[in-house]
PDB file of all heavy atoms in Angstrom:
ATOM      1  N   ILE A   1      -2.552 -29.170   4.653  1.00  0.00           N
ATOM      2  CA  ILE A   1      -3.950 -29.732   4.555  1.00  0.00           C
ATOM      3  C   ILE A   1      -5.001 -28.674   4.415  1.00  0.00           C
ATOM      4  O   ILE A   1      -4.867 -27.635   5.147  1.00  0.00           O
ATOM      5  CB  ILE A   1      -4.229 -30.615   5.824  1.00  0.00           C
ATOM      6  CG1 ILE A   1      -3.220 -31.681   5.999  1.00  0.00           C
ATOM      7  CG2 ILE A   1      -5.632 -31.089   5.804  1.00  0.00           C
ATOM      8  CD1 ILE A   1      -3.197 -32.446   7.292  1.00  0.00           C
ATOM      9  N   PHE A   2      -5.947 -28.894   3.635  1.00  0.00           N
ATOM     10  CA  PHE A   2      -7.079 -27.907   3.422  1.00  0.00           C
ATOM     11  C   PHE A   2      -8.376 -28.503   3.879  1.00  0.00           C
ATOM     12  O   PHE A   2      -8.570 -29.729   3.630  1.00  0.00           O
ATOM     13  CB  PHE A   2      -7.112 -27.438   1.973  1.00  0.00           C
ATOM     14  CG  PHE A   2      -5.908 -26.782   1.495  1.00  0.00           C
ATOM     15  CD1 PHE A   2      -4.834 -27.502   0.872  1.00  0.00           C
ATOM     16  CD2 PHE A   2      -5.754 -25.422   1.643  1.00  0.00           C
ATOM     17  CE1 PHE A   2      -3.740 -26.823   0.374  1.00  0.00           C
ATOM     18  CE2 PHE A   2      -4.671 -24.674   1.158  1.00  0.00           C
ATOM     19  CZ  PHE A   2      -3.629 -25.478   0.602  1.00  0.00           C
ATOM     20  N   THR A   3      -9.265 -27.776   4.454  1.00  0.00           N
ATOM     21  CA  THR A   3     -10.604 -28.321   4.836  1.00  0.00           C
ATOM     22  C   THR A   3     -11.341 -28.546   3.594  1.00  0.00           C
ATOM     23  O   THR A   3     -11.108 -28.069   2.506  1.00  0.00           O
ATOM     24  CB  THR A   3     -11.329 -27.427   5.823  1.00  0.00           C
ATOM     25  OG1 THR A   3     -11.636 -26.205   5.019  1.00  0.00           O
ATOM     26  CG2 THR A   3     -10.483 -27.059   7.070  1.00  0.00           C
ATOM     27  N   SER A   4     -12.416 -29.322   3.769  1.00  0.00           N
ATOM     28  CA  SER A   4     -13.371 -29.591   2.654  1.00  0.00           C
ATOM     29  C   SER A   4     -14.093 -28.400   2.113  1.00  0.00           C
ATOM     30  O   SER A   4     -14.601 -28.269   0.992  1.00  0.00           O
ATOM     31  CB  SER A   4     -14.339 -30.703   2.979  1.00  0.00           C
ATOM     32  OG  SER A   4     -15.121 -30.212   4.080  1.00  0.00           O
ATOM     33  N   ALA A   5     -14.066 -27.298   2.952  1.00  0.00           N
ATOM     34  CA  ALA A   5     -14.714 -26.062   2.484  1.00  0.00           C
ATOM     35  C   ALA A   5     -13.858 -25.319   1.461  1.00  0.00           C
ATOM     36  O   ALA A   5     -14.389 -24.426   0.796  1.00  0.00           O
ATOM     37  CB  ALA A   5     -14.931 -25.153   3.742  1.00  0.00           C
ATOM     38  N   CYS A   6     -12.623 -25.674   1.374  1.00  0.00           N
ATOM     39  CA  CYS A   6     -11.707 -25.019   0.401  1.00  0.00           C
ATOM     40  C   CYS A   6     -11.852 -25.719  -0.878  1.00  0.00           C
ATOM     41  O   CYS A   6     -11.578 -26.927  -1.016  1.00  0.00           O
ATOM     42  CB  CYS A   6     -10.279 -25.033   0.890  1.00  0.00           C
ATOM     43  SG  CYS A   6      -9.161 -24.174  -0.102  1.00  0.00           S
ATOM     44  N   LYS A   7     -12.283 -25.048  -1.883  1.00  0.00           N
ATOM     45  CA  LYS A   7     -12.614 -25.570  -3.236  1.00  0.00           C
ATOM     46  C   LYS A   7     -11.637 -25.127  -4.281  1.00  0.00           C
ATOM     47  O   LYS A   7     -11.271 -23.904  -4.277  1.00  0.00           O
ATOM     48  CB  LYS A   7     -13.999 -25.303  -3.715  1.00  0.00           C
ATOM     49  CG  LYS A   7     -15.062 -25.741  -2.770  1.00  0.00           C
ATOM     50  CD  LYS A   7     -15.157 -27.303  -2.626  1.00  0.00           C
ATOM     51  CE  LYS A   7     -16.347 -27.623  -1.711  1.00  0.00           C
ATOM     52  NZ  LYS A   7     -16.255 -28.938  -1.321  1.00  0.00           N
ATOM     53  N   LEU A   8     -11.164 -25.993  -5.229  1.00  0.00           N
ATOM     54  CA  LEU A   8     -10.305 -25.572  -6.310  1.00  0.00           C
ATOM     55  C   LEU A   8     -11.035 -24.683  -7.251  1.00  0.00           C
ATOM     56  O   LEU A   8     -12.193 -24.912  -7.657  1.00  0.00           O
ATOM     57  CB  LEU A   8      -9.761 -26.834  -6.999  1.00  0.00           C
ATOM     58  CG  LEU A   8      -8.818 -26.594  -8.141  1.00  0.00           C
ATOM     59  CD1 LEU A   8      -7.520 -26.012  -7.526  1.00  0.00           C
ATOM     60  CD2 LEU A   8      -8.459 -27.906  -8.827  1.00  0.00           C
ATOM     61  N   LEU A   9     -10.424 -23.558  -7.652  1.00  0.00           N
ATOM     62  CA  LEU A   9     -11.079 -22.604  -8.547  1.00  0.00           C
ATOM     63  C   LEU A   9     -11.100 -23.231  -9.984  1.00  0.00           C
ATOM     64  O   LEU A   9     -10.035 -23.668 -10.486  1.00  0.00           O
ATOM     65  CB  LEU A   9     -10.297 -21.248  -8.590  1.00  0.00           C
ATOM     66  CG  LEU A   9     -10.860 -20.124  -9.368  1.00  0.00           C
ATOM     67  CD1 LEU A   9     -12.178 -19.656  -8.786  1.00  0.00           C
ATOM     68  CD2 LEU A   9      -9.940 -18.985  -9.311  1.00  0.00           C
ATOM     69  N   THR A  10     -12.285 -23.184 -10.548  1.00  0.00           N
ATOM     70  CA  THR A  10     -12.437 -23.776 -11.878  1.00  0.00           C
ATOM     71  C   THR A  10     -12.501 -22.760 -12.951  1.00  0.00           C
ATOM     72  O   THR A  10     -12.710 -23.046 -14.119  1.00  0.00           O
ATOM     73  CB  THR A  10     -13.619 -24.790 -11.912  1.00  0.00           C
ATOM     74  OG1 THR A  10     -14.821 -24.002 -11.570  1.00  0.00           O
ATOM     75  CG2 THR A  10     -13.501 -25.922 -10.993  1.00  0.00           C
ATOM     76  N   THR A  11     -12.525 -21.477 -12.599  1.00  0.00           N
ATOM     77  CA  THR A  11     -12.568 -20.328 -13.621  1.00  0.00           C
ATOM     78  C   THR A  11     -11.236 -19.612 -13.458  1.00  0.00           C
ATOM     79  O   THR A  11     -10.350 -20.026 -12.668  1.00  0.00           O
ATOM     80  CB  THR A  11     -13.703 -19.338 -13.227  1.00  0.00           C
ATOM     81  OG1 THR A  11     -13.530 -18.879 -11.926  1.00  0.00           O
ATOM     82  CG2 THR A  11     -15.071 -20.128 -13.314  1.00  0.00           C
ATOM     83  N   ASP A  12     -11.111 -18.551 -14.395  1.00  0.00           N
ATOM     84  CA  ASP A  12      -9.835 -17.804 -14.277  1.00  0.00           C
ATOM     85  C   ASP A  12      -9.746 -16.993 -13.002  1.00  0.00           C
ATOM     86  O   ASP A  12     -10.730 -16.448 -12.444  1.00  0.00           O
ATOM     87  CB  ASP A  12      -9.790 -16.822 -15.463  1.00  0.00           C
ATOM     88  CG  ASP A  12      -9.590 -17.503 -16.779  1.00  0.00           C
ATOM     89  OD1 ASP A  12      -9.065 -18.693 -16.762  1.00  0.00           O
ATOM     90  OD2 ASP A  12     -10.027 -16.955 -17.827  1.00  0.00           O
ATOM     91  N   PHE A  13      -8.509 -16.992 -12.425  1.00  0.00           N
ATOM     92  CA  PHE A  13      -8.271 -16.108 -11.248  1.00  0.00           C
ATOM     93  C   PHE A  13      -8.370 -14.704 -11.662  1.00  0.00           C
ATOM     94  O   PHE A  13      -7.799 -14.270 -12.676  1.00  0.00           O
ATOM     95  CB  PHE A  13      -6.886 -16.521 -10.679  1.00  0.00           C
ATOM     96  CG  PHE A  13      -6.727 -15.967  -9.265  1.00  0.00           C
ATOM     97  CD1 PHE A  13      -7.505 -16.341  -8.192  1.00  0.00           C
ATOM     98  CD2 PHE A  13      -5.605 -15.154  -9.011  1.00  0.00           C
ATOM     99  CE1 PHE A  13      -7.300 -15.867  -6.937  1.00  0.00           C
ATOM    100  CE2 PHE A  13      -5.371 -14.612  -7.772  1.00  0.00           C
ATOM    101  CZ  PHE A  13      -6.190 -15.027  -6.719  1.00  0.00           C
ATOM    102  N   PRO A  14      -8.997 -13.815 -10.844  1.00  0.00           N
ATOM    103  CA  PRO A  14      -9.077 -12.375 -11.163  1.00  0.00           C
ATOM    104  C   PRO A  14      -7.770 -11.775 -11.346  1.00  0.00           C
ATOM    105  O   PRO A  14      -6.797 -12.141 -10.694  1.00  0.00           O
ATOM    106  CB  PRO A  14      -9.860 -11.773 -10.053  1.00  0.00           C
ATOM    107  CG  PRO A  14     -10.513 -12.867  -9.326  1.00  0.00           C
ATOM    108  CD  PRO A  14      -9.629 -14.148  -9.602  1.00  0.00           C
ATOM    109  N   ILE A  15      -7.675 -10.811 -12.293  1.00  0.00           N
ATOM    110  CA  ILE A  15      -6.410  -9.989 -12.456  1.00  0.00           C
ATOM    111  C   ILE A  15      -6.512  -8.598 -11.859  1.00  0.00           C
ATOM    112  O   ILE A  15      -7.572  -7.953 -12.143  1.00  0.00           O
ATOM    113  CB  ILE A  15      -6.083  -9.851 -13.960  1.00  0.00           C
ATOM    114  CG1 ILE A  15      -5.877 -11.348 -14.530  1.00  0.00           C
ATOM    115  CG2 ILE A  15      -4.879  -8.950 -14.113  1.00  0.00           C
ATOM    116  CD1 ILE A  15      -5.620 -11.260 -16.036  1.00  0.00           C
ATOM    117  N   GLY A  16      -5.724  -8.265 -10.973  1.00  0.00           N
ATOM    118  CA  GLY A  16      -5.741  -6.961 -10.309  1.00  0.00           C
ATOM    119  C   GLY A  16      -5.149  -5.891 -11.227  1.00  0.00           C
ATOM    120  O   GLY A  16      -4.536  -6.163 -12.241  1.00  0.00           O
ATOM    121  N   THR A  17      -5.289  -4.653 -10.787  1.00  0.00           N
ATOM    122  CA  THR A  17      -4.709  -3.547 -11.597  1.00  0.00           C
ATOM    123  C   THR A  17      -3.204  -3.407 -11.277  1.00  0.00           C
ATOM    124  O   THR A  17      -2.923  -3.275 -10.117  1.00  0.00           O
ATOM    125  CB  THR A  17      -5.432  -2.220 -11.172  1.00  0.00           C
ATOM    126  OG1 THR A  17      -6.803  -2.414 -11.325  1.00  0.00           O
ATOM    127  CG2 THR A  17      -4.921  -1.135 -12.076  1.00  0.00           C
ATOM    128  N   PRO A  18      -2.352  -3.648 -12.301  1.00  0.00           N
ATOM    129  CA  PRO A  18      -0.944  -3.460 -12.030  1.00  0.00           C
ATOM    130  C   PRO A  18      -0.626  -2.136 -11.405  1.00  0.00           C
ATOM    131  O   PRO A  18      -1.142  -1.099 -11.847  1.00  0.00           O
ATOM    132  CB  PRO A  18      -0.304  -3.647 -13.372  1.00  0.00           C
ATOM    133  CG  PRO A  18      -1.362  -4.445 -14.174  1.00  0.00           C
ATOM    134  CD  PRO A  18      -2.586  -3.929 -13.658  1.00  0.00           C
ATOM    135  N   GLY A  19       0.208  -2.179 -10.460  1.00  0.00           N
ATOM    136  CA  GLY A  19       0.626  -0.923  -9.823  1.00  0.00           C
ATOM    137  C   GLY A  19      -0.278  -0.538  -8.639  1.00  0.00           C
ATOM    138  O   GLY A  19       0.101   0.342  -7.855  1.00  0.00           O
ATOM    139  N   SER A  20      -1.529  -0.957  -8.534  1.00  0.00           N
ATOM    140  CA  SER A  20      -2.378  -0.574  -7.521  1.00  0.00           C
ATOM    141  C   SER A  20      -1.933  -1.088  -6.182  1.00  0.00           C
ATOM    142  O   SER A  20      -2.370  -0.542  -5.140  1.00  0.00           O
ATOM    143  CB  SER A  20      -3.819  -1.038  -7.794  1.00  0.00           C
ATOM    144  OG  SER A  20      -3.815  -2.446  -7.745  1.00  0.00           O
ATOM    145  N   SER A  21      -1.126  -2.031  -6.111  1.00  0.00           N
ATOM    146  CA  SER A  21      -0.700  -2.606  -4.812  1.00  0.00           C
ATOM    147  C   SER A  21       0.781  -2.673  -4.695  1.00  0.00           C
ATOM    148  O   SER A  21       1.290  -3.378  -3.905  1.00  0.00           O
ATOM    149  CB  SER A  21      -1.257  -4.025  -4.662  1.00  0.00           C
ATOM    150  OG  SER A  21      -0.695  -4.939  -5.674  1.00  0.00           O
ATOM    151  N   VAL A  22       1.449  -1.871  -5.546  1.00  0.00           N
ATOM    152  CA  VAL A  22       2.976  -1.857  -5.429  1.00  0.00           C
ATOM    153  C   VAL A  22       3.395  -1.125  -4.204  1.00  0.00           C
ATOM    154  O   VAL A  22       2.950  -0.040  -3.934  1.00  0.00           O
ATOM    155  CB  VAL A  22       3.522  -1.231  -6.701  1.00  0.00           C
ATOM    156  CG1 VAL A  22       5.049  -1.074  -6.513  1.00  0.00           C
ATOM    157  CG2 VAL A  22       3.159  -2.027  -7.939  1.00  0.00           C
ATOM    158  N   THR A  23       4.252  -1.719  -3.392  1.00  0.00           N
ATOM    159  CA  THR A  23       4.690  -1.081  -2.177  1.00  0.00           C
ATOM    160  C   THR A  23       6.175  -1.291  -2.247  1.00  0.00           C
ATOM    161  O   THR A  23       6.700  -2.209  -2.813  1.00  0.00           O
ATOM    162  CB  THR A  23       4.225  -1.897  -0.915  1.00  0.00           C
ATOM    163  OG1 THR A  23       4.525  -3.151  -0.982  1.00  0.00           O
ATOM    164  CG2 THR A  23       2.735  -1.596  -0.712  1.00  0.00           C
ATOM    165  N   THR A  24       6.944  -0.432  -1.684  1.00  0.00           N
ATOM    166  CA  THR A  24       8.341  -0.373  -1.609  1.00  0.00           C
ATOM    167  C   THR A  24       8.760  -1.258  -0.438  1.00  0.00           C
ATOM    168  O   THR A  24       8.406  -0.953   0.693  1.00  0.00           O
ATOM    169  CB  THR A  24       9.001   0.935  -1.451  1.00  0.00           C
ATOM    170  OG1 THR A  24       8.468   1.768  -2.507  1.00  0.00           O
ATOM    171  CG2 THR A  24      10.504   0.916  -1.496  1.00  0.00           C
ATOM    172  N   PRO A  25       9.448  -2.408  -0.703  1.00  0.00           N
ATOM    173  CA  PRO A  25       9.852  -3.286   0.443  1.00  0.00           C
ATOM    174  C   PRO A  25      10.778  -2.505   1.368  1.00  0.00           C
ATOM    175  O   PRO A  25      11.532  -1.709   0.929  1.00  0.00           O
ATOM    176  CB  PRO A  25      10.421  -4.439  -0.181  1.00  0.00           C
ATOM    177  CG  PRO A  25      10.727  -4.165  -1.619  1.00  0.00           C
ATOM    178  CD  PRO A  25       9.905  -2.867  -1.960  1.00  0.00           C
ATOM    179  N   SER A  26      10.640  -2.828   2.627  1.00  0.00           N
ATOM    180  CA  SER A  26      11.547  -2.301   3.644  1.00  0.00           C
ATOM    181  C   SER A  26      13.052  -2.764   3.347  1.00  0.00           C
ATOM    182  O   SER A  26      13.205  -3.981   3.058  1.00  0.00           O
ATOM    183  CB  SER A  26      11.141  -2.632   5.031  1.00  0.00           C
ATOM    184  OG  SER A  26      12.203  -2.299   5.892  1.00  0.00           O
ATOM    185  N   PRO A  27      14.030  -1.863   3.366  1.00  0.00           N
ATOM    186  CA  PRO A  27      15.320  -2.289   3.148  1.00  0.00           C
ATOM    187  C   PRO A  27      15.799  -3.200   4.316  1.00  0.00           C
ATOM    188  O   PRO A  27      16.851  -3.842   4.181  1.00  0.00           O
ATOM    189  CB  PRO A  27      16.173  -1.008   3.114  1.00  0.00           C
ATOM    190  CG  PRO A  27      15.281  -0.002   3.790  1.00  0.00           C
ATOM    191  CD  PRO A  27      13.891  -0.392   3.521  1.00  0.00           C
ATOM    192  N   CYS A  28      15.083  -3.251   5.401  1.00  0.00           N
ATOM    193  CA  CYS A  28      15.364  -4.093   6.529  1.00  0.00           C
ATOM    194  C   CYS A  28      14.919  -5.553   6.342  1.00  0.00           C
ATOM    195  O   CYS A  28      15.152  -6.410   7.197  1.00  0.00           O
ATOM    196  CB  CYS A  28      14.870  -3.522   7.783  1.00  0.00           C
ATOM    197  SG  CYS A  28      15.595  -1.950   8.180  1.00  0.00           S
ATOM    198  N   GLY A  29      14.016  -5.767   5.397  1.00  0.00           N
ATOM    199  CA  GLY A  29      13.421  -7.100   5.198  1.00  0.00           C
ATOM    200  C   GLY A  29      12.029  -7.087   5.885  1.00  0.00           C
ATOM    201  O   GLY A  29      11.425  -6.064   6.025  1.00  0.00           O
ATOM    202  N   ASP A  30      11.703  -8.192   6.381  1.00  0.00           N
ATOM    203  CA  ASP A  30      10.365  -8.359   7.020  1.00  0.00           C
ATOM    204  C   ASP A  30      10.213  -7.435   8.204  1.00  0.00           C
ATOM    205  O   ASP A  30      11.007  -7.549   9.180  1.00  0.00           O
ATOM    206  CB  ASP A  30      10.212  -9.820   7.457  1.00  0.00           C
ATOM    207  CG  ASP A  30       8.786 -10.171   7.974  1.00  0.00           C
ATOM    208  OD1 ASP A  30       8.027  -9.230   8.250  1.00  0.00           O
ATOM    209  OD2 ASP A  30       8.597 -11.376   8.168  1.00  0.00           O
ATOM    210  N   PRO A  31       9.220  -6.513   8.143  1.00  0.00           N
ATOM    211  CA  PRO A  31       9.077  -5.521   9.173  1.00  0.00           C
ATOM    212  C   PRO A  31       8.544  -6.180  10.531  1.00  0.00           C
ATOM    213  O   PRO A  31       8.634  -5.608  11.515  1.00  0.00           O
ATOM    214  CB  PRO A  31       8.021  -4.512   8.689  1.00  0.00           C
ATOM    215  CG  PRO A  31       7.384  -5.169   7.465  1.00  0.00           C
ATOM    216  CD  PRO A  31       8.283  -6.172   6.963  1.00  0.00           C
ATOM    217  N   SER A  32       8.073  -7.407  10.490  1.00  0.00           N
ATOM    218  CA  SER A  32       7.703  -8.129  11.680  1.00  0.00           C
ATOM    219  C   SER A  32       8.921  -8.648  12.377  1.00  0.00           C
ATOM    220  O   SER A  32       8.871  -9.036  13.598  1.00  0.00           O
ATOM    221  CB  SER A  32       6.692  -9.213  11.491  1.00  0.00           C
ATOM    222  OG  SER A  32       7.219 -10.261  10.706  1.00  0.00           O
ATOM    223  N   VAL A  33      10.086  -8.724  11.674  1.00  0.00           N
ATOM    224  CA  VAL A  33      11.289  -9.217  12.269  1.00  0.00           C
ATOM    225  C   VAL A  33      12.374  -8.083  12.530  1.00  0.00           C
ATOM    226  O   VAL A  33      12.937  -8.089  13.614  1.00  0.00           O
ATOM    227  CB  VAL A  33      11.958 -10.236  11.265  1.00  0.00           C
ATOM    228  CG1 VAL A  33      13.234 -10.740  11.825  1.00  0.00           C
ATOM    229  CG2 VAL A  33      11.028 -11.416  10.993  1.00  0.00           C
ATOM    230  N   TYR A  34      12.402  -7.000  11.695  1.00  0.00           N
ATOM    231  CA  TYR A  34      13.303  -6.092  11.686  1.00  0.00           C
ATOM    232  C   TYR A  34      12.645  -4.671  11.754  1.00  0.00           C
ATOM    233  O   TYR A  34      11.674  -4.444  11.126  1.00  0.00           O
ATOM    234  CB  TYR A  34      14.384  -6.007  10.594  1.00  0.00           C
ATOM    235  CG  TYR A  34      15.309  -7.260  10.751  1.00  0.00           C
ATOM    236  CD1 TYR A  34      15.077  -8.326  10.016  1.00  0.00           C
ATOM    237  CD2 TYR A  34      16.300  -7.217  11.597  1.00  0.00           C
ATOM    238  CE1 TYR A  34      15.878  -9.435  10.137  1.00  0.00           C
ATOM    239  CE2 TYR A  34      17.230  -8.318  11.756  1.00  0.00           C
ATOM    240  CZ  TYR A  34      16.904  -9.401  11.046  1.00  0.00           C
ATOM    241  OH  TYR A  34      17.815 -10.551  11.163  1.00  0.00           O
ATOM    242  N   TYR A  35      13.271  -3.746  12.498  1.00  0.00           N
ATOM    243  CA  TYR A  35      12.809  -2.343  12.594  1.00  0.00           C
ATOM    244  C   TYR A  35      13.790  -1.444  11.978  1.00  0.00           C
ATOM    245  O   TYR A  35      15.053  -1.549  12.233  1.00  0.00           O
ATOM    246  CB  TYR A  35      12.613  -2.064  14.156  1.00  0.00           C
ATOM    247  CG  TYR A  35      12.360  -0.567  14.434  1.00  0.00           C
ATOM    248  CD1 TYR A  35      11.027   0.004  14.287  1.00  0.00           C
ATOM    249  CD2 TYR A  35      13.369   0.345  14.756  1.00  0.00           C
ATOM    250  CE1 TYR A  35      10.800   1.301  14.511  1.00  0.00           C
ATOM    251  CE2 TYR A  35      13.129   1.640  15.003  1.00  0.00           C
ATOM    252  CZ  TYR A  35      11.840   2.190  14.838  1.00  0.00           C
ATOM    253  OH  TYR A  35      11.542   3.472  15.071  1.00  0.00           O
ATOM    254  N   GLN A  36      13.289  -0.523  11.172  1.00  0.00           N
ATOM    255  CA  GLN A  36      14.196   0.441  10.494  1.00  0.00           C
ATOM    256  C   GLN A  36      14.205   1.727  11.325  1.00  0.00           C
ATOM    257  O   GLN A  36      13.176   2.340  11.566  1.00  0.00           O
ATOM    258  CB  GLN A  36      13.656   0.714   9.047  1.00  0.00           C
ATOM    259  CG  GLN A  36      14.671   1.722   8.352  1.00  0.00           C
ATOM    260  CD  GLN A  36      14.276   1.933   6.885  1.00  0.00           C
ATOM    261  OE1 GLN A  36      13.208   1.474   6.484  1.00  0.00           O
ATOM    262  NE2 GLN A  36      15.121   2.529   6.143  1.00  0.00           N
TER     263      GLN A  36
END
């Protein structure tokens, strides 16, 4: 469920810069669940 304040986007969703947010995932999986 979404509140009425949440509106559907009617324009193009912004495109980020490829590679700017690339992170290497932990080999352990979710770091909030597993510690390496």
